[in-house]
Amino acid sequence: VIGNPHPKIYGGFNTKISYDRFSLDLGFDFAGGHDVLNLDRMMQENVSGTGNITRSAYDRAKFVSGKQLPSYAGFGANGLDLISDRYVEKGDYVRLANITLSYDVPVERIKWMRTMSVYFNVYNALVFTSYDGWNPEVNSFGVDNLRSGIAYGAHPDTRRFTLGIPTTF
């Protein structure tokens, strides 16, 4: 056993700050105490010659005056695609999941309109984590319980921007 993909703690909280006609809503979520097997990083650091690698992996695998740099595999090394605890990372994160700034437009003088507001929302604004991959909240293999906590080609949640003008007539 080289890691546990199940968080020991997870949750979220929201807060709302209002002043005059403005309001700011913030929504956070978090998880901690779990591990992620970063297979994406394993593939990007594999210098055995079977695929593309990152620049840092290339630089580490260079030879200096005929000798390999210490503790790093050289080009063409075998066994670099074997899973090990080297690619297990902490999956702890705190995400600023939602930011909404809104303004209630004064419509008292407009007879045919009762309310109107304007808001701007950002979803998936920031993620604070030490995880090296795209998203510490991985779901590469869906509902397969035997392969949870593995990051392999899963695209992260997109950051979305929304502008809205809710109106009541």
N, C-alpha and C. Protein backbone atom coordinates (compact mmCIF):
# COMPACT_ATOMS: atom_id res chain seq x y z
N VAL A 1 0.85 -1.17 0.00
CA VAL A 1 0.00 0.00 0.00
C VAL A 1 0.90 1.23 0.00
N ILE A 2 0.75 2.07 -1.02
CA ILE A 2 1.61 3.25 -1.10
C ILE A 2 0.84 4.56 -0.94
N GLY A 3 -0.42 4.48 -0.64
CA GLY A 3 -1.19 5.70 -0.43
C GLY A 3 -2.66 5.40 -0.20
N ASN A 4 -3.37 6.38 0.29
CA ASN A 4 -4.80 6.24 0.52
C ASN A 4 -5.52 7.35 -0.24
N PRO A 5 -6.37 7.01 -1.22
CA PRO A 5 -7.03 8.02 -2.04
C PRO A 5 -8.24 8.68 -1.37
N HIS A 6 -8.60 8.23 -0.18
CA HIS A 6 -9.80 8.74 0.47
C HIS A 6 -9.45 9.85 1.47
N PRO A 7 -10.02 11.05 1.29
CA PRO A 7 -9.72 12.15 2.22
C PRO A 7 -10.16 11.83 3.65
N LYS A 8 -9.35 12.27 4.60
CA LYS A 8 -9.71 12.12 6.00
C LYS A 8 -10.65 13.24 6.42
N ILE A 9 -10.55 14.37 5.72
CA ILE A 9 -11.41 15.51 6.02
C ILE A 9 -11.78 16.19 4.70
N TYR A 10 -13.02 16.61 4.59
CA TYR A 10 -13.45 17.36 3.41
C TYR A 10 -14.68 18.17 3.79
N GLY A 11 -14.92 19.21 3.02
CA GLY A 11 -16.06 20.05 3.31
C GLY A 11 -16.02 21.33 2.53
N GLY A 12 -16.78 22.29 2.99
CA GLY A 12 -16.83 23.58 2.33
C GLY A 12 -17.54 24.59 3.19
N PHE A 13 -17.42 25.85 2.82
CA PHE A 13 -18.12 26.90 3.52
C PHE A 13 -18.34 28.08 2.58
N ASN A 14 -19.35 28.86 2.89
CA ASN A 14 -19.71 30.03 2.09
C ASN A 14 -19.79 31.24 3.00
N THR A 15 -19.56 32.40 2.42
CA THR A 15 -19.72 33.64 3.16
C THR A 15 -20.26 34.70 2.22
N LYS A 16 -20.97 35.66 2.79
CA LYS A 16 -21.55 36.74 2.01
C LYS A 16 -21.28 38.05 2.72
N ILE A 17 -20.76 39.01 2.00
CA ILE A 17 -20.49 40.33 2.52
C ILE A 17 -21.33 41.31 1.72
N SER A 18 -22.10 42.14 2.42
CA SER A 18 -22.97 43.11 1.74
C SER A 18 -22.69 44.51 2.25
N TYR A 19 -22.77 45.46 1.33
CA TYR A 19 -22.65 46.87 1.68
C TYR A 19 -23.51 47.66 0.71
N ASP A 20 -24.45 48.39 1.24
CA ASP A 20 -25.36 49.20 0.43
C ASP A 20 -26.03 48.29 -0.60
N ARG A 21 -25.82 48.51 -1.87
CA ARG A 21 -26.44 47.70 -2.93
C ARG A 21 -25.50 46.63 -3.49
N PHE A 22 -24.30 46.53 -2.96
CA PHE A 22 -23.32 45.54 -3.43
C PHE A 22 -23.30 44.34 -2.51
N SER A 23 -23.01 43.18 -3.08
CA SER A 23 -22.77 41.99 -2.26
C SER A 23 -21.71 41.13 -2.93
N LEU A 24 -20.94 40.48 -2.08
CA LEU A 24 -19.88 39.59 -2.53
C LEU A 24 -20.09 38.25 -1.86
N ASP A 25 -20.28 37.20 -2.68
CA ASP A 25 -20.43 35.84 -2.19
C ASP A 25 -19.18 35.05 -2.51
N LEU A 26 -18.65 34.33 -1.53
CA LEU A 26 -17.48 33.48 -1.72
C LEU A 26 -17.81 32.07 -1.27
N GLY A 27 -17.47 31.09 -2.08
CA GLY A 27 -17.69 29.69 -1.74
C GLY A 27 -16.39 28.91 -1.82
N PHE A 28 -16.06 28.20 -0.76
CA PHE A 28 -14.83 27.43 -0.69
C PHE A 28 -15.16 25.95 -0.51
N ASP A 29 -14.29 25.07 -1.02
CA ASP A 29 -14.35 23.66 -0.64
C ASP A 29 -12.93 23.17 -0.42
N PHE A 30 -12.79 22.08 0.32
CA PHE A 30 -11.46 21.59 0.68
C PHE A 30 -11.50 20.09 0.90
N ALA A 31 -10.33 19.47 0.83
CA ALA A 31 -10.15 18.07 1.17
C ALA A 31 -8.72 17.89 1.63
N GLY A 32 -8.51 16.97 2.55
CA GLY A 32 -7.16 16.75 3.06
C GLY A 32 -6.97 15.36 3.61
N GLY A 33 -5.71 14.96 3.70
CA GLY A 33 -5.37 13.66 4.26
C GLY A 33 -5.45 12.51 3.27
N HIS A 34 -5.37 12.81 1.98
CA HIS A 34 -5.44 11.74 0.98
C HIS A 34 -4.26 11.87 0.02
N ASP A 35 -4.02 10.80 -0.73
CA ASP A 35 -2.91 10.74 -1.67
C ASP A 35 -3.42 10.57 -3.09
N VAL A 36 -2.62 11.06 -4.04
CA VAL A 36 -2.94 10.95 -5.47
C VAL A 36 -1.76 10.31 -6.17
N LEU A 37 -2.01 9.28 -6.97
CA LEU A 37 -0.98 8.69 -7.80
C LEU A 37 -0.95 9.46 -9.12
N ASN A 38 0.11 10.23 -9.34
CA ASN A 38 0.22 11.12 -10.49
C ASN A 38 0.87 10.39 -11.66
N LEU A 39 0.08 9.61 -12.40
CA LEU A 39 0.61 8.90 -13.56
C LEU A 39 0.95 9.85 -14.71
N ASP A 40 0.32 11.00 -14.75
CA ASP A 40 0.68 12.00 -15.76
C ASP A 40 2.14 12.41 -15.59
N ARG A 41 2.55 12.67 -14.36
CA ARG A 41 3.94 13.05 -14.10
C ARG A 41 4.89 11.90 -14.42
N MET A 42 4.48 10.66 -14.11
CA MET A 42 5.31 9.51 -14.42
C MET A 42 5.59 9.42 -15.92
N MET A 43 4.57 9.65 -16.72
CA MET A 43 4.74 9.58 -18.17
C MET A 43 5.60 10.75 -18.69
N GLN A 44 5.46 11.92 -18.08
CA GLN A 44 6.20 13.09 -18.54
C GLN A 44 7.66 13.07 -18.11
N GLU A 45 8.00 12.26 -17.13
CA GLU A 45 9.39 12.17 -16.68
C GLU A 45 10.08 10.89 -17.15
N ASN A 46 9.42 10.09 -17.96
CA ASN A 46 9.96 8.82 -18.42
C ASN A 46 10.95 9.07 -19.57
N VAL A 47 12.24 8.95 -19.30
CA VAL A 47 13.28 9.22 -20.31
C VAL A 47 13.75 7.94 -21.01
N SER A 48 12.91 6.89 -20.99
CA SER A 48 13.31 5.63 -21.62
C SER A 48 13.27 5.70 -23.14
N GLY A 49 12.68 6.76 -23.69
CA GLY A 49 12.64 6.90 -25.14
C GLY A 49 11.32 6.52 -25.75
N THR A 50 10.27 6.35 -24.94
CA THR A 50 8.99 5.90 -25.47
C THR A 50 7.98 7.02 -25.67
N GLY A 51 8.30 8.27 -25.31
CA GLY A 51 7.32 9.34 -25.46
C GLY A 51 7.92 10.70 -25.21
N ASN A 52 7.07 11.70 -25.23
CA ASN A 52 7.51 13.06 -24.95
C ASN A 52 7.79 13.23 -23.47
N ILE A 53 8.76 14.07 -23.17
CA ILE A 53 9.11 14.31 -21.77
C ILE A 53 9.17 15.82 -21.53
N THR A 54 9.14 16.19 -20.24
CA THR A 54 9.24 17.60 -19.90
C THR A 54 10.68 18.08 -20.03
N ARG A 55 10.85 19.37 -20.11
CA ARG A 55 12.19 19.96 -20.21
C ARG A 55 13.03 19.64 -18.98
N SER A 56 12.41 19.68 -17.80
CA SER A 56 13.17 19.39 -16.58
C SER A 56 13.65 17.94 -16.55
N ALA A 57 12.84 17.00 -17.03
CA ALA A 57 13.27 15.59 -17.10
C ALA A 57 14.40 15.43 -18.09
N TYR A 58 14.32 16.15 -19.19
CA TYR A 58 15.38 16.11 -20.20
C TYR A 58 16.69 16.64 -19.61
N ASP A 59 16.62 17.76 -18.93
CA ASP A 59 17.82 18.36 -18.34
C ASP A 59 18.45 17.45 -17.29
N ARG A 60 17.62 16.76 -16.49
CA ARG A 60 18.15 15.86 -15.46
C ARG A 60 18.82 14.64 -16.07
N ALA A 61 18.38 14.21 -17.26
CA ALA A 61 18.90 12.99 -17.87
C ALA A 61 20.16 13.24 -18.70
N LYS A 62 20.57 14.48 -18.87
CA LYS A 62 21.78 14.78 -19.64
C LYS A 62 23.01 14.18 -18.97
N PHE A 63 23.99 13.91 -19.78
CA PHE A 63 25.25 13.41 -19.25
C PHE A 63 26.23 14.57 -19.11
N VAL A 64 26.96 14.59 -18.02
CA VAL A 64 27.97 15.62 -17.80
C VAL A 64 29.33 14.94 -17.85
N SER A 65 30.16 15.32 -18.82
CA SER A 65 31.50 14.76 -19.06
C SER A 65 31.51 13.24 -18.92
N GLY A 66 30.58 12.60 -19.64
CA GLY A 66 30.53 11.15 -19.70
C GLY A 66 29.89 10.47 -18.51
N LYS A 67 29.47 11.21 -17.51
CA LYS A 67 28.85 10.60 -16.32
C LYS A 67 27.42 11.09 -16.18
N GLN A 68 26.63 10.19 -15.68
CA GLN A 68 25.22 10.52 -15.45
C GLN A 68 25.10 11.37 -14.20
N LEU A 69 24.16 12.33 -14.20
CA LEU A 69 23.91 13.11 -13.00
C LEU A 69 23.45 12.18 -11.88
N PRO A 70 23.86 12.40 -10.66
CA PRO A 70 23.51 11.48 -9.58
C PRO A 70 22.01 11.42 -9.31
N SER A 71 21.53 10.24 -8.99
CA SER A 71 20.16 9.91 -8.57
C SER A 71 19.09 10.13 -9.64
N TYR A 72 19.46 10.35 -10.88
CA TYR A 72 18.49 10.47 -11.96
C TYR A 72 18.81 9.47 -13.05
N ALA A 73 17.77 8.93 -13.67
CA ALA A 73 17.97 7.96 -14.75
C ALA A 73 18.44 8.67 -16.01
N GLY A 74 19.30 8.01 -16.77
CA GLY A 74 19.76 8.55 -18.04
C GLY A 74 18.86 8.12 -19.17
N PHE A 75 19.07 8.69 -20.34
CA PHE A 75 18.26 8.35 -21.50
C PHE A 75 18.35 6.86 -21.80
N GLY A 76 17.22 6.25 -22.14
CA GLY A 76 17.18 4.84 -22.49
C GLY A 76 17.12 3.90 -21.32
N ALA A 77 17.03 4.41 -20.10
CA ALA A 77 16.96 3.54 -18.92
C ALA A 77 15.68 2.71 -18.96
N ASN A 78 15.76 1.51 -18.43
CA ASN A 78 14.61 0.60 -18.40
C ASN A 78 13.89 0.70 -17.06
N GLY A 79 12.60 0.30 -17.06
CA GLY A 79 11.83 0.20 -15.84
C GLY A 79 11.29 1.51 -15.33
N LEU A 80 11.33 2.56 -16.13
CA LEU A 80 10.86 3.86 -15.66
C LEU A 80 9.35 4.00 -15.72
N ASP A 81 8.66 3.06 -16.34
CA ASP A 81 7.21 3.11 -16.41
C ASP A 81 6.55 2.21 -15.36
N LEU A 82 7.32 1.82 -14.35
CA LEU A 82 6.77 1.03 -13.26
C LEU A 82 6.25 1.96 -12.18
N ILE A 83 5.08 1.63 -11.65
CA ILE A 83 4.46 2.46 -10.62
C ILE A 83 5.24 2.31 -9.32
N SER A 84 5.54 3.46 -8.69
CA SER A 84 6.22 3.44 -7.41
C SER A 84 5.70 4.60 -6.56
N ASP A 85 6.13 4.63 -5.31
CA ASP A 85 5.69 5.72 -4.43
C ASP A 85 6.31 7.06 -4.80
N ARG A 86 7.23 7.07 -5.73
CA ARG A 86 7.83 8.33 -6.20
C ARG A 86 6.76 9.26 -6.79
N TYR A 87 5.72 8.69 -7.34
CA TYR A 87 4.68 9.48 -8.00
C TYR A 87 3.42 9.65 -7.15
N VAL A 88 3.49 9.25 -5.89
CA VAL A 88 2.37 9.46 -4.98
C VAL A 88 2.57 10.82 -4.31
N GLU A 89 1.57 11.68 -4.42
CA GLU A 89 1.65 13.03 -3.88
C GLU A 89 0.47 13.29 -2.95
N LYS A 90 0.65 14.23 -2.05
CA LYS A 90 -0.44 14.66 -1.19
C LYS A 90 -1.49 15.37 -2.04
N GLY A 91 -2.75 15.04 -1.84
CA GLY A 91 -3.83 15.63 -2.62
C GLY A 91 -4.58 16.73 -1.89
N ASP A 92 -4.02 17.24 -0.80
CA ASP A 92 -4.70 18.28 -0.02
C ASP A 92 -4.90 19.54 -0.86
N TYR A 93 -6.07 20.17 -0.70
CA TYR A 93 -6.33 21.41 -1.42
C TYR A 93 -7.40 22.23 -0.72
N VAL A 94 -7.38 23.51 -1.01
CA VAL A 94 -8.46 24.44 -0.68
C VAL A 94 -8.78 25.15 -1.98
N ARG A 95 -10.04 25.11 -2.38
CA ARG A 95 -10.47 25.71 -3.65
C ARG A 95 -11.43 26.87 -3.39
N LEU A 96 -11.13 28.00 -4.00
CA LEU A 96 -12.09 29.10 -4.04
C LEU A 96 -13.00 28.77 -5.22
N ALA A 97 -14.09 28.11 -4.93
CA ALA A 97 -14.93 27.53 -5.98
C ALA A 97 -15.83 28.55 -6.66
N ASN A 98 -16.33 29.52 -5.92
CA ASN A 98 -17.27 30.50 -6.49
C ASN A 98 -17.00 31.89 -5.93
N ILE A 99 -16.98 32.86 -6.82
CA ILE A 99 -16.95 34.27 -6.44
C ILE A 99 -18.09 34.93 -7.21
N THR A 100 -18.97 35.60 -6.50
CA THR A 100 -20.06 36.32 -7.16
C THR A 100 -20.12 37.73 -6.60
N LEU A 101 -19.98 38.71 -7.49
CA LEU A 101 -20.14 40.11 -7.12
C LEU A 101 -21.42 40.60 -7.78
N SER A 102 -22.33 41.16 -6.96
CA SER A 102 -23.61 41.61 -7.52
C SER A 102 -23.94 43.02 -7.05
N TYR A 103 -24.79 43.65 -7.84
CA TYR A 103 -25.24 45.01 -7.56
C TYR A 103 -26.74 45.07 -7.81
N ASP A 104 -27.50 45.56 -6.83
CA ASP A 104 -28.94 45.74 -6.99
C ASP A 104 -29.19 47.12 -7.60
N VAL A 105 -29.69 47.12 -8.81
CA VAL A 105 -29.93 48.37 -9.54
C VAL A 105 -31.18 49.04 -8.99
N PRO A 106 -31.11 50.34 -8.68
CA PRO A 106 -32.32 51.03 -8.20
C PRO A 106 -33.32 51.21 -9.35
N VAL A 107 -34.53 50.65 -9.18
CA VAL A 107 -35.55 50.72 -10.24
C VAL A 107 -36.86 51.32 -9.72
N GLU A 108 -36.80 52.06 -8.63
CA GLU A 108 -38.01 52.61 -8.03
C GLU A 108 -38.77 53.53 -8.99
N ARG A 109 -38.08 54.23 -9.85
CA ARG A 109 -38.71 55.18 -10.77
C ARG A 109 -39.26 54.53 -12.04
N ILE A 110 -38.92 53.28 -12.26
CA ILE A 110 -39.41 52.58 -13.45
C ILE A 110 -40.66 51.80 -13.05
N LYS A 111 -41.82 52.22 -13.56
CA LYS A 111 -43.11 51.66 -13.15
C LYS A 111 -43.28 50.18 -13.54
N TRP A 112 -42.79 49.79 -14.71
CA TRP A 112 -43.04 48.44 -15.22
C TRP A 112 -41.99 47.42 -14.76
N MET A 113 -41.03 47.83 -13.92
CA MET A 113 -39.99 46.92 -13.44
C MET A 113 -39.99 46.93 -11.90
N ARG A 114 -39.99 45.70 -11.30
CA ARG A 114 -39.99 45.62 -9.85
C ARG A 114 -38.57 45.53 -9.27
N THR A 115 -37.73 44.63 -9.82
CA THR A 115 -36.34 44.48 -9.34
C THR A 115 -35.41 44.23 -10.52
N MET A 116 -34.15 44.59 -10.30
CA MET A 116 -33.12 44.30 -11.30
C MET A 116 -31.77 44.28 -10.59
N SER A 117 -30.96 43.31 -10.91
CA SER A 117 -29.61 43.26 -10.38
C SER A 117 -28.66 42.81 -11.49
N VAL A 118 -27.41 43.08 -11.28
CA VAL A 118 -26.35 42.67 -12.22
C VAL A 118 -25.32 41.91 -11.40
N TYR A 119 -24.91 40.76 -11.92
CA TYR A 119 -23.89 40.01 -11.18
C TYR A 119 -22.83 39.47 -12.13
N PHE A 120 -21.67 39.25 -11.57
CA PHE A 120 -20.55 38.62 -12.28
C PHE A 120 -20.07 37.47 -11.41
N ASN A 121 -19.97 36.28 -11.99
CA ASN A 121 -19.60 35.08 -11.25
C ASN A 121 -18.37 34.44 -11.88
N VAL A 122 -17.46 33.97 -11.03
CA VAL A 122 -16.31 33.16 -11.47
C VAL A 122 -16.41 31.83 -10.75
N TYR A 123 -16.47 30.75 -11.52
CA TYR A 123 -16.50 29.40 -10.96
C TYR A 123 -15.11 28.78 -11.09
N ASN A 124 -14.64 28.09 -10.07
CA ASN A 124 -13.33 27.45 -10.04
C ASN A 124 -12.23 28.51 -10.17
N ALA A 125 -12.29 29.51 -9.32
CA ALA A 125 -11.38 30.66 -9.43
C ALA A 125 -9.94 30.31 -9.08
N LEU A 126 -9.69 29.71 -7.93
CA LEU A 126 -8.34 29.41 -7.46
C LEU A 126 -8.30 28.08 -6.74
N VAL A 127 -7.15 27.41 -6.84
CA VAL A 127 -6.92 26.19 -6.07
C VAL A 127 -5.57 26.32 -5.38
N PHE A 128 -5.56 26.17 -4.07
CA PHE A 128 -4.33 26.22 -3.29
C PHE A 128 -3.96 24.78 -2.93
N THR A 129 -2.80 24.31 -3.45
CA THR A 129 -2.38 22.94 -3.23
C THR A 129 -0.89 22.80 -3.49
N SER A 130 -0.28 21.77 -2.94
CA SER A 130 1.11 21.46 -3.26
C SER A 130 1.21 20.37 -4.32
N TYR A 131 0.07 19.88 -4.78
CA TYR A 131 0.01 18.84 -5.81
C TYR A 131 0.56 19.37 -7.13
N ASP A 132 1.39 18.57 -7.83
CA ASP A 132 2.02 19.01 -9.07
C ASP A 132 1.14 18.87 -10.32
N GLY A 133 0.09 18.10 -10.23
CA GLY A 133 -0.75 17.86 -11.40
C GLY A 133 -1.73 18.98 -11.67
N TRP A 134 -2.67 18.70 -12.57
CA TRP A 134 -3.66 19.70 -12.96
C TRP A 134 -4.72 19.92 -11.89
N ASN A 135 -5.17 18.84 -11.28
CA ASN A 135 -6.30 18.94 -10.36
C ASN A 135 -6.16 17.88 -9.27
N PRO A 136 -6.03 18.28 -8.00
CA PRO A 136 -5.90 17.28 -6.95
C PRO A 136 -7.19 16.50 -6.69
N GLU A 137 -8.30 16.97 -7.23
CA GLU A 137 -9.58 16.27 -7.10
C GLU A 137 -9.78 15.42 -8.36
N VAL A 138 -9.01 14.34 -8.46
CA VAL A 138 -8.96 13.54 -9.69
C VAL A 138 -10.12 12.57 -9.78
N ASN A 139 -10.47 12.24 -11.01
CA ASN A 139 -11.52 11.27 -11.29
C ASN A 139 -11.24 10.64 -12.66
N SER A 140 -10.03 10.13 -12.85
CA SER A 140 -9.63 9.61 -14.15
C SER A 140 -10.43 8.39 -14.58
N PHE A 141 -10.84 7.57 -13.64
CA PHE A 141 -11.49 6.32 -13.99
C PHE A 141 -12.94 6.26 -13.51
N GLY A 142 -13.56 7.41 -13.33
CA GLY A 142 -14.98 7.48 -13.01
C GLY A 142 -15.33 6.78 -11.71
N VAL A 143 -16.28 5.87 -11.78
CA VAL A 143 -16.78 5.20 -10.58
C VAL A 143 -16.08 3.88 -10.29
N ASP A 144 -14.94 3.63 -10.94
CA ASP A 144 -14.18 2.41 -10.68
C ASP A 144 -13.50 2.53 -9.32
N ASN A 145 -14.04 1.88 -8.29
CA ASN A 145 -13.53 2.01 -6.93
C ASN A 145 -12.13 1.45 -6.75
N LEU A 146 -11.70 0.57 -7.64
CA LEU A 146 -10.36 0.00 -7.53
C LEU A 146 -9.29 0.94 -8.05
N ARG A 147 -9.69 1.97 -8.80
CA ARG A 147 -8.70 2.90 -9.35
C ARG A 147 -9.00 4.35 -8.97
N SER A 148 -9.49 4.59 -7.79
CA SER A 148 -9.73 5.97 -7.35
C SER A 148 -8.41 6.58 -6.90
N GLY A 149 -8.30 7.89 -7.03
CA GLY A 149 -7.10 8.60 -6.62
C GLY A 149 -5.96 8.53 -7.60
N ILE A 150 -6.26 8.21 -8.86
CA ILE A 150 -5.22 8.12 -9.89
C ILE A 150 -5.44 9.24 -10.90
N ALA A 151 -4.39 10.01 -11.14
CA ALA A 151 -4.45 11.09 -12.13
C ALA A 151 -3.79 10.59 -13.41
N TYR A 152 -4.60 10.39 -14.45
CA TYR A 152 -4.06 9.91 -15.72
C TYR A 152 -4.90 10.47 -16.86
N GLY A 153 -4.51 11.62 -17.35
CA GLY A 153 -5.18 12.22 -18.50
C GLY A 153 -6.50 12.89 -18.20
N ALA A 154 -6.83 13.05 -16.93
CA ALA A 154 -8.10 13.70 -16.59
C ALA A 154 -7.94 15.21 -16.71
N HIS A 155 -8.82 15.84 -17.42
CA HIS A 155 -8.77 17.28 -17.59
C HIS A 155 -9.34 17.96 -16.35
N PRO A 156 -8.73 19.06 -15.92
CA PRO A 156 -9.25 19.74 -14.72
C PRO A 156 -10.57 20.44 -15.00
N ASP A 157 -11.27 20.81 -13.94
CA ASP A 157 -12.49 21.61 -14.09
C ASP A 157 -12.14 22.92 -14.76
N THR A 158 -13.00 23.36 -15.64
CA THR A 158 -12.76 24.63 -16.32
C THR A 158 -13.11 25.80 -15.42
N ARG A 159 -12.47 26.91 -15.68
CA ARG A 159 -12.82 28.16 -15.00
C ARG A 159 -13.87 28.82 -15.86
N ARG A 160 -15.02 29.14 -15.27
CA ARG A 160 -16.12 29.73 -16.04
C ARG A 160 -16.45 31.12 -15.51
N PHE A 161 -16.80 31.98 -16.43
CA PHE A 161 -17.19 33.35 -16.11
C PHE A 161 -18.63 33.55 -16.58
N THR A 162 -19.45 34.14 -15.72
CA THR A 162 -20.86 34.34 -16.04
C THR A 162 -21.25 35.78 -15.70
N LEU A 163 -21.93 36.41 -16.60
CA LEU A 163 -22.51 37.73 -16.36
C LEU A 163 -24.01 37.58 -16.47
N GLY A 164 -24.74 38.05 -15.45
CA GLY A 164 -26.19 37.89 -15.45
C GLY A 164 -26.90 39.18 -15.05
N ILE A 165 -28.13 39.31 -15.56
CA ILE A 165 -28.96 40.46 -15.22
C ILE A 165 -30.37 39.94 -14.91
N PRO A 166 -30.57 39.43 -13.69
CA PRO A 166 -31.91 38.97 -13.31
C PRO A 166 -32.86 40.17 -13.10
N THR A 167 -34.04 40.06 -13.67
CA THR A 167 -34.99 41.16 -13.64
C THR A 167 -36.39 40.61 -13.36
N THR A 168 -37.14 41.33 -12.54
CA THR A 168 -38.53 41.00 -12.27
C THR A 168 -39.40 42.13 -12.79
N PHE A 169 -40.41 41.74 -13.58
CA PHE A 169 -41.33 42.75 -14.18
C PHE A 169 -42.64 42.77 -13.44
